[in-house]
Amino acid sequence: MPTKSLRILIADTEPAQALTLERSLNAAGYYRIAPLYHQQALVSLYDAQAHEFDLLLISQEMAGGAAVDVEAYRKANAQFRHILIYPDADTLAPKIDALMQGIDPSSHI
């Protein structure tokens, strides 16, 4: 059973892409999801406390493009317990169940 209290943010400049991921997460039992569509909204979260959020799913475009240094991005964003940078929501959506099993141990009990 999924941990329903996980706080998940989806950051994507394309609302349709964010909605695709949100629906996949809902189908997997996760409902505390907030979408962000603008870089400014994401920047405003930099002042949040460490591990304030459980998961950030962020599009490659919003993270800085294909050349983004994933490890440096993670270190610079300690307010997120887990960060996944994805190139395309349509590719990630079918893998949500497997992804969440790695992040939420109670999801496969």
Protein backbone atom coordinates (compact mmCIF):
# COMPACT_ATOMS: atom_id res chain seq x y z
CA MET A 1 0.00 0.00 0.00
CA PRO A 2 1.46 3.39 -0.96
CA THR A 3 2.43 5.96 1.64
CA LYS A 4 -0.30 8.49 1.00
CA SER A 5 1.53 11.25 2.87
CA LEU A 6 4.41 11.53 0.39
CA ARG A 7 4.74 15.09 -0.92
CA ILE A 8 5.40 15.04 -4.66
CA LEU A 9 6.13 17.96 -6.97
CA ILE A 10 5.99 17.74 -10.76
CA ALA A 11 7.86 20.54 -12.52
CA ASP A 12 7.22 20.73 -16.24
CA THR A 13 6.69 23.68 -18.56
CA GLU A 14 4.06 21.64 -20.41
CA PRO A 15 0.88 21.24 -18.32
CA ALA A 16 -0.22 18.23 -20.38
CA GLN A 17 3.04 16.43 -19.54
CA ALA A 18 2.62 17.17 -15.83
CA LEU A 19 -0.97 15.94 -15.98
CA THR A 20 0.17 12.66 -17.57
CA LEU A 21 2.50 12.04 -14.63
CA GLU A 22 -0.06 13.17 -12.07
CA ARG A 23 -2.60 10.69 -13.44
CA SER A 24 -0.04 7.88 -13.33
CA LEU A 25 0.80 8.73 -9.73
CA ASN A 26 -2.91 8.87 -8.84
CA ALA A 27 -3.41 5.43 -10.40
CA ALA A 28 -0.52 4.17 -8.23
CA GLY A 29 -2.22 5.56 -5.09
CA TYR A 30 -0.44 8.91 -4.62
CA TYR A 31 -2.52 12.07 -4.25
CA ARG A 32 -0.37 14.74 -2.52
CA ILE A 33 0.91 16.07 -5.82
CA ALA A 34 1.53 19.67 -6.83
CA PRO A 35 2.35 20.64 -10.39
CA LEU A 36 4.65 23.59 -11.19
CA TYR A 37 4.68 25.03 -14.70
CA HIS A 38 7.04 27.99 -14.32
CA GLN A 39 10.70 28.19 -13.38
CA GLN A 40 9.93 31.08 -10.98
CA ALA A 41 7.65 28.83 -8.91
CA LEU A 42 10.43 26.27 -8.61
CA VAL A 43 13.00 28.90 -7.66
CA SER A 44 10.72 30.12 -4.87
CA LEU A 45 11.08 26.67 -3.24
CA TYR A 46 14.86 26.98 -2.84
CA ASP A 47 14.37 28.40 0.65
CA ALA A 48 12.43 25.35 1.85
CA GLN A 49 13.99 23.22 4.57
CA ALA A 50 16.00 20.13 3.69
CA HIS A 51 13.80 17.14 2.79
CA GLU A 52 10.69 19.32 2.92
CA PHE A 53 9.41 17.40 -0.11
CA ASP A 54 9.70 13.68 -0.78
CA LEU A 55 10.00 13.68 -4.56
CA LEU A 56 10.61 16.16 -7.37
CA LEU A 57 9.84 14.93 -10.86
CA ILE A 58 11.29 17.59 -13.13
CA SER A 59 11.48 17.79 -16.89
CA GLN A 60 14.91 18.03 -18.43
CA GLU A 61 13.87 21.33 -20.00
CA MET A 62 12.97 22.89 -16.66
CA ALA A 63 16.09 21.49 -14.97
CA GLY A 64 18.37 23.22 -17.47
CA GLY A 65 18.38 21.11 -20.61
CA ALA A 66 20.03 17.88 -21.68
CA ALA A 67 23.41 19.01 -20.34
CA VAL A 68 22.20 19.32 -16.73
CA ASP A 69 24.58 17.83 -14.14
CA VAL A 70 22.21 15.56 -12.23
CA GLU A 71 24.42 15.16 -9.14
CA ALA A 72 25.07 18.91 -8.88
CA TYR A 73 21.33 19.55 -9.27
CA ARG A 74 20.56 17.13 -6.43
CA LYS A 75 23.15 18.71 -4.13
CA ALA A 76 21.83 22.20 -4.87
CA ASN A 77 18.25 21.11 -4.08
CA ALA A 78 18.40 19.41 -0.69
CA GLN A 79 14.78 20.38 0.02
CA PHE A 80 13.84 17.33 -2.09
CA ARG A 81 14.52 13.88 -0.66
CA HIS A 82 14.48 12.35 -4.17
CA ILE A 83 14.85 14.03 -7.58
CA LEU A 84 14.21 12.47 -10.96
CA ILE A 85 14.95 14.45 -14.10
CA TYR A 86 13.02 13.04 -17.04
CA PRO A 87 13.25 13.81 -20.77
CA ASP A 88 9.59 13.07 -21.55
CA ALA A 89 6.56 12.34 -19.37
CA ASP A 90 5.11 9.87 -21.87
CA THR A 91 8.22 7.72 -21.45
CA LEU A 92 8.23 7.98 -17.64
CA ALA A 93 4.49 7.49 -16.97
CA PRO A 94 4.41 3.71 -17.64
CA LYS A 95 7.37 3.27 -15.26
CA ILE A 96 5.79 5.10 -12.29
CA ASP A 97 4.97 1.94 -10.33
CA ALA A 98 8.57 0.68 -10.52
CA LEU A 99 9.94 4.14 -9.75
CA MET A 100 7.76 4.54 -6.67
CA GLN A 101 8.77 1.10 -5.35
CA GLY A 102 12.33 2.40 -5.15
CA ILE A 103 11.26 5.60 -3.39
CA ASP A 104 8.40 4.34 -1.21
CA PRO A 105 9.25 0.96 0.37
CA SER A 106 5.69 0.51 1.63
CA SER A 107 4.28 0.71 -1.90
CA HIS A 108 4.93 -2.97 -2.59
CA ILE A 109 4.07 -4.56 0.73
